[in-house]
């Protein structure tokens, strides 16, 4: 008799149970990504990535149209 009740319980999953299990799985995934992103191993990689747009702009400014910027000159 206990085996039949257990089998009926497994078949009695409704939409709310599936939503609850999905919520728990997504929360665990979110916390995993959050821990990965804030780990100390990733800090240097993210720092380099945050500076890359600025480095590209400086390189473009210095080499654009073959014009070299003079030190000490101020824009008008």
PDB file of N, CA and C in Angstrom:
ATOM      1  N   UNK A   1       0.816  -1.198   0.000  1.00  0.00           N
ATOM      2  CA  UNK A   1       0.000   0.000   0.000  1.00  0.00           C
ATOM      3  C   UNK A   1       0.861   1.264   0.000  1.00  0.00           C
ATOM      4  N   UNK A   2       1.990   1.227   0.709  1.00  0.00           N
ATOM      5  CA  UNK A   2       2.843   2.408   0.758  1.00  0.00           C
ATOM      6  C   UNK A   2       3.450   2.708  -0.605  1.00  0.00           C
ATOM      7  N   UNK A   3       3.762   1.680  -1.378  1.00  0.00           N
ATOM      8  CA  UNK A   3       4.334   1.878  -2.708  1.00  0.00           C
ATOM      9  C   UNK A   3       3.385   2.584  -3.645  1.00  0.00           C
ATOM     10  N   UNK A   4       2.098   2.288  -3.546  1.00  0.00           N
ATOM     11  CA  UNK A   4       1.094   2.924  -4.395  1.00  0.00           C
ATOM     12  C   UNK A   4       0.947   4.391  -4.029  1.00  0.00           C
ATOM     13  N   UNK A   5       0.962   4.711  -2.738  1.00  0.00           N
ATOM     14  CA  UNK A   5       0.842   6.103  -2.293  1.00  0.00           C
ATOM     15  C   UNK A   5       2.056   6.902  -2.762  1.00  0.00           C
ATOM     16  N   UNK A   6       3.244   6.337  -2.668  1.00  0.00           N
ATOM     17  CA  UNK A   6       4.453   7.027  -3.104  1.00  0.00           C
ATOM     18  C   UNK A   6       4.413   7.272  -4.607  1.00  0.00           C
ATOM     19  N   UNK A   7       3.933   6.277  -5.360  1.00  0.00           N
ATOM     20  CA  UNK A   7       3.831   6.461  -6.810  1.00  0.00           C
ATOM     21  C   UNK A   7       2.816   7.541  -7.154  1.00  0.00           C
ATOM     22  N   UNK A   8       1.715   7.606  -6.419  1.00  0.00           N
ATOM     23  CA  UNK A   8       0.702   8.633  -6.689  1.00  0.00           C
ATOM     24  C   UNK A   8       1.254  10.023  -6.363  1.00  0.00           C
ATOM     25  N   UNK A   9       2.091  10.116  -5.304  1.00  0.00           N
ATOM     26  CA  UNK A   9       2.663  11.410  -4.943  1.00  0.00           C
ATOM     27  C   UNK A   9       3.590  11.906  -6.041  1.00  0.00           C
ATOM     28  N   UNK A  10       4.368  11.006  -6.649  1.00  0.00           N
ATOM     29  CA  UNK A  10       5.270  11.394  -7.722  1.00  0.00           C
ATOM     30  C   UNK A  10       4.503  11.867  -8.941  1.00  0.00           C
ATOM     31  N   UNK A  11       3.339  11.304  -9.187  1.00  0.00           N
ATOM     32  CA  UNK A  11       2.544  11.704 -10.347  1.00  0.00           C
ATOM     33  C   UNK A  11       1.716  12.950 -10.071  1.00  0.00           C
ATOM     34  N   UNK A  12       1.657  13.376  -8.817  1.00  0.00           N
ATOM     35  CA  UNK A  12       0.806  14.492  -8.444  1.00  0.00           C
ATOM     36  C   UNK A  12       1.539  15.831  -8.482  1.00  0.00           C
ATOM     37  N   UNK A  13       2.580  15.966  -9.265  1.00  0.00           N
ATOM     38  CA  UNK A  13       3.263  17.245  -9.421  1.00  0.00           C
ATOM     39  C   UNK A  13       2.341  18.181 -10.179  1.00  0.00           C
ATOM     40  N   UNK A  14       2.079  19.317  -9.618  1.00  0.00           N
ATOM     41  CA  UNK A  14       1.295  20.302 -10.343  1.00  0.00           C
ATOM     42  C   UNK A  14       2.210  21.431 -10.812  1.00  0.00           C
ATOM     43  N   UNK A  15       1.647  22.393 -11.476  1.00  0.00           N
ATOM     44  CA  UNK A  15       2.426  23.483 -12.047  1.00  0.00           C
ATOM     45  C   UNK A  15       3.142  24.296 -10.967  1.00  0.00           C
ATOM     46  N   UNK A  16       2.519  24.477  -9.819  1.00  0.00           N
ATOM     47  CA  UNK A  16       3.153  25.246  -8.743  1.00  0.00           C
ATOM     48  C   UNK A  16       4.403  24.546  -8.216  1.00  0.00           C
ATOM     49  N   UNK A  17       4.389  23.231  -8.152  1.00  0.00           N
ATOM     50  CA  UNK A  17       5.568  22.486  -7.707  1.00  0.00           C
ATOM     51  C   UNK A  17       6.707  22.650  -8.696  1.00  0.00           C
ATOM     52  N   UNK A  18       6.394  22.573  -9.979  1.00  0.00           N
ATOM     53  CA  UNK A  18       7.413  22.755 -11.022  1.00  0.00           C
ATOM     54  C   UNK A  18       7.980  24.160 -10.963  1.00  0.00           C
ATOM     55  N   UNK A  19       7.116  25.145 -10.762  1.00  0.00           N
ATOM     56  CA  UNK A  19       7.574  26.534 -10.650  1.00  0.00           C
ATOM     57  C   UNK A  19       8.480  26.720  -9.433  1.00  0.00           C
ATOM     58  N   UNK A  20       8.136  26.088  -8.325  1.00  0.00           N
ATOM     59  CA  UNK A  20       8.952  26.176  -7.118  1.00  0.00           C
ATOM     60  C   UNK A  20      10.327  25.562  -7.320  1.00  0.00           C
ATOM     61  N   UNK A  21      10.361  24.383  -7.941  1.00  0.00           N
ATOM     62  CA  UNK A  21      11.649  23.740  -8.208  1.00  0.00           C
ATOM     63  C   UNK A  21      12.488  24.562  -9.190  1.00  0.00           C
ATOM     64  N   UNK A  22      11.841  25.148 -10.189  1.00  0.00           N
ATOM     65  CA  UNK A  22      12.551  26.001 -11.145  1.00  0.00           C
ATOM     66  C   UNK A  22      13.107  27.244 -10.443  1.00  0.00           C
ATOM     67  N   UNK A  23      12.328  27.812  -9.537  1.00  0.00           N
ATOM     68  CA  UNK A  23      12.788  28.983  -8.784  1.00  0.00           C
ATOM     69  C   UNK A  23      14.022  28.647  -7.958  1.00  0.00           C
ATOM     70  N   UNK A  24      14.001  27.517  -7.289  1.00  0.00           N
ATOM     71  CA  UNK A  24      15.149  27.105  -6.477  1.00  0.00           C
ATOM     72  C   UNK A  24      16.381  26.897  -7.360  1.00  0.00           C
ATOM     73  N   UNK A  25      16.200  26.242  -8.516  1.00  0.00           N
ATOM     74  CA  UNK A  25      17.329  26.013  -9.433  1.00  0.00           C
ATOM     75  C   UNK A  25      17.892  27.333  -9.953  1.00  0.00           C
ATOM     76  N   UNK A  26      17.020  28.273 -10.291  1.00  0.00           N
ATOM     77  CA  UNK A  26      17.489  29.573 -10.788  1.00  0.00           C
ATOM     78  C   UNK A  26      18.192  30.374  -9.698  1.00  0.00           C
ATOM     79  N   UNK A  27      17.699  30.290  -8.468  1.00  0.00           N
ATOM     80  CA  UNK A  27      18.360  30.991  -7.367  1.00  0.00           C
ATOM     81  C   UNK A  27      19.755  30.427  -7.115  1.00  0.00           C
ATOM     82  N   UNK A  28      19.889  29.113  -7.158  1.00  0.00           N
ATOM     83  CA  UNK A  28      21.206  28.491  -6.982  1.00  0.00           C
ATOM     84  C   UNK A  28      22.137  28.906  -8.120  1.00  0.00           C
ATOM     85  N   UNK A  29      21.624  28.941  -9.352  1.00  0.00           N
ATOM     86  CA  UNK A  29      22.431  29.380 -10.488  1.00  0.00           C
ATOM     87  C   UNK A  29      22.861  30.829 -10.360  1.00  0.00           C
ATOM     88  N   UNK A  30      21.940  31.693  -9.935  1.00  0.00           N
ATOM     89  CA  UNK A  30      22.269  33.105  -9.756  1.00  0.00           C
ATOM     90  C   UNK A  30      23.350  33.285  -8.701  1.00  0.00           C
ATOM     91  N   UNK A  31      23.210  32.603  -7.589  1.00  0.00           N
ATOM     92  CA  UNK A  31      24.215  32.721  -6.532  1.00  0.00           C
ATOM     93  C   UNK A  31      25.565  32.175  -6.985  1.00  0.00           C
ATOM     94  N   UNK A  32      25.554  31.153  -7.818  1.00  0.00           N
ATOM     95  CA  UNK A  32      26.805  30.623  -8.358  1.00  0.00           C
ATOM     96  C   UNK A  32      27.501  31.616  -9.266  1.00  0.00           C
ATOM     97  N   UNK A  33      26.742  32.259 -10.147  1.00  0.00           N
ATOM     98  CA  UNK A  33      27.319  33.266 -11.051  1.00  0.00           C
ATOM     99  C   UNK A  33      27.799  34.470 -10.238  1.00  0.00           C
ATOM    100  N   UNK A  34      27.034  34.866  -9.238  1.00  0.00           N
ATOM    101  CA  UNK A  34      27.426  35.995  -8.403  1.00  0.00           C
ATOM    102  C   UNK A  34      28.738  35.702  -7.677  1.00  0.00           C
ATOM    103  N   UNK A  35      28.863  34.507  -7.120  1.00  0.00           N
ATOM    104  CA  UNK A  35      30.093  34.134  -6.416  1.00  0.00           C
ATOM    105  C   UNK A  35      31.273  34.076  -7.381  1.00  0.00           C
ATOM    106  N   UNK A  36      31.049  33.579  -8.585  1.00  0.00           N
ATOM    107  CA  UNK A  36      32.120  33.513  -9.596  1.00  0.00           C
ATOM    108  C   UNK A  36      32.566  34.923  -9.981  1.00  0.00           C
ATOM    109  N   UNK A  37      31.615  35.815 -10.215  1.00  0.00           N
ATOM    110  CA  UNK A  37      31.957  37.166 -10.670  1.00  0.00           C
ATOM    111  C   UNK A  37      32.687  37.966  -9.591  1.00  0.00           C
ATOM    112  N   UNK A  38      32.356  37.765  -8.340  1.00  0.00           N
ATOM    113  CA  UNK A  38      32.974  38.525  -7.252  1.00  0.00           C
ATOM    114  C   UNK A  38      34.172  37.819  -6.630  1.00  0.00           C
ATOM    115  N   UNK A  39      34.587  36.705  -7.213  1.00  0.00           N
ATOM    116  CA  UNK A  39      35.748  36.013  -6.646  1.00  0.00           C
ATOM    117  C   UNK A  39      37.015  36.816  -6.915  1.00  0.00           C
ATOM    118  N   UNK A  40      38.000  36.663  -6.071  1.00  0.00           N
ATOM    119  CA  UNK A  40      39.231  37.438  -6.193  1.00  0.00           C
ATOM    120  C   UNK A  40      40.014  37.059  -7.443  1.00  0.00           C
ATOM    121  N   UNK A  41      39.801  35.859  -7.963  1.00  0.00           N
ATOM    122  CA  UNK A  41      40.501  35.441  -9.179  1.00  0.00           C
ATOM    123  C   UNK A  41      40.043  36.243 -10.393  1.00  0.00           C
ATOM    124  N   UNK A  42      38.815  36.720 -10.411  1.00  0.00           N
ATOM    125  CA  UNK A  42      38.267  37.427 -11.561  1.00  0.00           C
ATOM    126  C   UNK A  42      38.541  38.926 -11.520  1.00  0.00           C
ATOM    127  N   UNK A  43      38.995  39.455 -10.398  1.00  0.00           N
ATOM    128  CA  UNK A  43      39.155  40.894 -10.227  1.00  0.00           C
ATOM    129  C   UNK A  43      40.100  41.495 -11.263  1.00  0.00           C
ATOM    130  N   UNK A  44      41.242  40.872 -11.491  1.00  0.00           N
ATOM    131  CA  UNK A  44      42.205  41.428 -12.448  1.00  0.00           C
ATOM    132  C   UNK A  44      41.680  41.360 -13.874  1.00  0.00           C
ATOM    133  N   UNK A  45      40.954  40.316 -14.197  1.00  0.00           N
ATOM    134  CA  UNK A  45      40.394  40.188 -15.550  1.00  0.00           C
ATOM    135  C   UNK A  45      39.353  41.271 -15.797  1.00  0.00           C
ATOM    136  N   UNK A  46      38.460  41.496 -14.821  1.00  0.00           N
ATOM    137  CA  UNK A  46      37.433  42.519 -14.981  1.00  0.00           C
ATOM    138  C   UNK A  46      38.043  43.919 -14.985  1.00  0.00           C
ATOM    139  N   UNK A  47      39.092  44.135 -14.230  1.00  0.00           N
ATOM    140  CA  UNK A  47      39.771  45.434 -14.226  1.00  0.00           C
ATOM    141  C   UNK A  47      40.370  45.725 -15.603  1.00  0.00           C
ATOM    142  N   UNK A  48      41.017  44.723 -16.197  1.00  0.00           N
ATOM    143  CA  UNK A  48      41.592  44.899 -17.534  1.00  0.00           C
ATOM    144  C   UNK A  48      40.502  45.139 -18.564  1.00  0.00           C
ATOM    145  N   UNK A  49      39.390  44.430 -18.440  1.00  0.00           N
ATOM    146  CA  UNK A  49      38.286  44.613 -19.380  1.00  0.00           C
ATOM    147  C   UNK A  49      37.654  45.998 -19.238  1.00  0.00           C
ATOM    148  N   UNK A  50      37.602  46.518 -18.020  1.00  0.00           N
ATOM    149  CA  UNK A  50      37.010  47.848 -17.831  1.00  0.00           C
ATOM    150  C   UNK A  50      37.894  48.952 -18.388  1.00  0.00           C
ATOM    151  N   UNK A  51      39.191  48.717 -18.478  1.00  0.00           N
ATOM    152  CA  UNK A  51      40.108  49.731 -18.997  1.00  0.00           C
ATOM    153  C   UNK A  51      40.299  49.651 -20.506  1.00  0.00           C
ATOM    154  N   UNK A  52      39.878  48.570 -21.133  1.00  0.00           N
ATOM    155  CA  UNK A  52      40.135  48.390 -22.561  1.00  0.00           C
ATOM    156  C   UNK A  52      39.486  49.459 -23.447  1.00  0.00           C
ATOM    157  N   UNK A  53      38.265  49.949 -23.180  1.00  0.00           N
ATOM    158  CA  UNK A  53      37.731  51.021 -24.030  1.00  0.00           C
ATOM    159  C   UNK A  53      38.563  52.298 -23.954  1.00  0.00           C
ATOM    160  N   UNK A  54      39.098  52.605 -22.790  1.00  0.00           N
ATOM    161  CA  UNK A  54      39.913  53.814 -22.641  1.00  0.00           C
ATOM    162  C   UNK A  54      41.239  53.671 -23.376  1.00  0.00           C
ATOM    163  N   UNK A  55      41.810  52.492 -23.344  1.00  0.00           N
ATOM    164  CA  UNK A  55      43.070  52.271 -24.044  1.00  0.00           C
ATOM    165  C   UNK A  55      42.885  52.358 -25.548  1.00  0.00           C
ATOM    166  N   UNK A  56      41.771  51.875 -26.071  1.00  0.00           N
ATOM    167  CA  UNK A  56      41.504  51.968 -27.504  1.00  0.00           C
ATOM    168  C   UNK A  56      41.324  53.411 -27.933  1.00  0.00           C
ATOM    169  N   UNK A  57      40.636  54.219 -27.120  1.00  0.00           N
ATOM    170  CA  UNK A  57      40.439  55.628 -27.456  1.00  0.00           C
ATOM    171  C   UNK A  57      41.764  56.376 -27.481  1.00  0.00           C
ATOM    172  N   UNK A  58      42.624  56.112 -26.522  1.00  0.00           N
ATOM    173  CA  UNK A  58      43.922  56.773 -26.506  1.00  0.00           C
ATOM    174  C   UNK A  58      44.750  56.388 -27.721  1.00  0.00           C
ATOM    175  N   UNK A  59      44.711  55.146 -28.104  1.00  0.00           N
ATOM    176  CA  UNK A  59      45.469  54.694 -29.265  1.00  0.00           C
ATOM    177  C   UNK A  59      44.931  55.332 -30.538  1.00  0.00           C
ATOM    178  N   UNK A  60      43.618  55.470 -30.640  1.00  0.00           N
ATOM    179  CA  UNK A  60      43.027  56.114 -31.809  1.00  0.00           C
ATOM    180  C   UNK A  60      43.374  57.592 -31.855  1.00  0.00           C
ATOM    181  N   UNK A  61      43.363  58.263 -30.707  1.00  0.00           N
ATOM    182  CA  UNK A  61      43.688  59.686 -30.664  1.00  0.00           C
ATOM    183  C   UNK A  61      45.125  59.937 -31.112  1.00  0.00           C
ATOM    184  N   UNK A  62      46.019  59.078 -30.709  1.00  0.00           N
ATOM    185  CA  UNK A  62      47.420  59.295 -31.017  1.00  0.00           C
ATOM    186  C   UNK A  62      47.751  58.959 -32.471  1.00  0.00           C
ATOM    187  N   UNK A  63      47.034  58.045 -33.066  1.00  0.00           N
ATOM    188  CA  UNK A  63      47.373  57.618 -34.421  1.00  0.00           C
ATOM    189  C   UNK A  63      46.367  58.050 -35.475  1.00  0.00           C
ATOM    190  N   UNK A  64      45.348  58.780 -35.106  1.00  0.00           N
ATOM    191  CA  UNK A  64      44.327  59.155 -36.087  1.00  0.00           C
ATOM    192  C   UNK A  64      44.889  60.170 -37.086  1.00  0.00           C
ATOM    193  N   UNK A  65      44.714  59.871 -38.326  1.00  0.00           N
ATOM    194  CA  UNK A  65      45.104  60.742 -39.442  1.00  0.00           C
ATOM    195  C   UNK A  65      46.589  61.081 -39.450  1.00  0.00           C
ATOM    196  N   UNK A  66      47.401  60.332 -38.811  1.00  0.00           N
ATOM    197  CA  UNK A  66      48.825  60.558 -38.831  1.00  0.00           C
ATOM    198  C   UNK A  66      49.271  61.793 -38.088  1.00  0.00           C
ATOM    199  N   UNK A  67      48.403  62.380 -37.292  1.00  0.00           N
ATOM    200  CA  UNK A  67      48.734  63.598 -36.559  1.00  0.00           C
ATOM    201  C   UNK A  67      49.246  63.193 -35.187  1.00  0.00           C
ATOM    202  N   UNK A  68      50.421  63.695 -34.834  1.00  0.00           N
ATOM    203  CA  UNK A  68      50.967  63.422 -33.524  1.00  0.00           C
ATOM    204  C   UNK A  68      50.653  64.585 -32.610  1.00  0.00           C
ATOM    205  N   UNK A  69      50.228  64.286 -31.415  1.00  0.00           N
ATOM    206  CA  UNK A  69      49.923  65.356 -30.460  1.00  0.00           C
ATOM    207  C   UNK A  69      51.209  65.809 -29.797  1.00  0.00           C
ATOM    208  N   UNK A  70      51.334  67.096 -29.657  1.00  0.00           N
ATOM    209  CA  UNK A  70      52.509  67.665 -29.007  1.00  0.00           C
ATOM    210  C   UNK A  70      52.216  67.799 -27.522  1.00  0.00           C
ATOM    211  N   UNK A  71      53.223  67.552 -26.728  1.00  0.00           N
ATOM    212  CA  UNK A  71      53.043  67.720 -25.294  1.00  0.00           C
ATOM    213  C   UNK A  71      53.047  69.181 -24.942  1.00  0.00           C
ATOM    214  N   UNK A  72      52.184  69.558 -24.020  1.00  0.00           N
ATOM    215  CA  UNK A  72      52.142  70.936 -23.580  1.00  0.00           C
ATOM    216  C   UNK A  72      51.209  71.802 -24.404  1.00  0.00           C
ATOM    217  N   UNK A  73      50.674  71.317 -25.508  1.00  0.00           N
ATOM    218  CA  UNK A  73      49.774  72.132 -26.311  1.00  0.00           C
ATOM    219  C   UNK A  73      48.375  72.054 -25.717  1.00  0.00           C
ATOM    220  N   UNK A  74      47.687  73.156 -25.786  1.00  0.00           N
ATOM    221  CA  UNK A  74      46.323  73.186 -25.236  1.00  0.00           C
ATOM    222  C   UNK A  74      45.346  73.477 -26.380  1.00  0.00           C
ATOM    223  N   UNK A  75      44.163  72.877 -26.326  1.00  0.00           N
ATOM    224  CA  UNK A  75      43.171  73.131 -27.374  1.00  0.00           C
ATOM    225  C   UNK A  75      42.648  74.544 -27.282  1.00  0.00           C
ATOM    226  N   UNK A  76      42.242  75.122 -28.372  1.00  0.00           N
ATOM    227  CA  UNK A  76      41.733  76.489 -28.406  1.00  0.00           C
ATOM    228  C   UNK A  76      40.291  76.569 -28.066  1.00  0.00           C
TER     229      UNK A  76
END
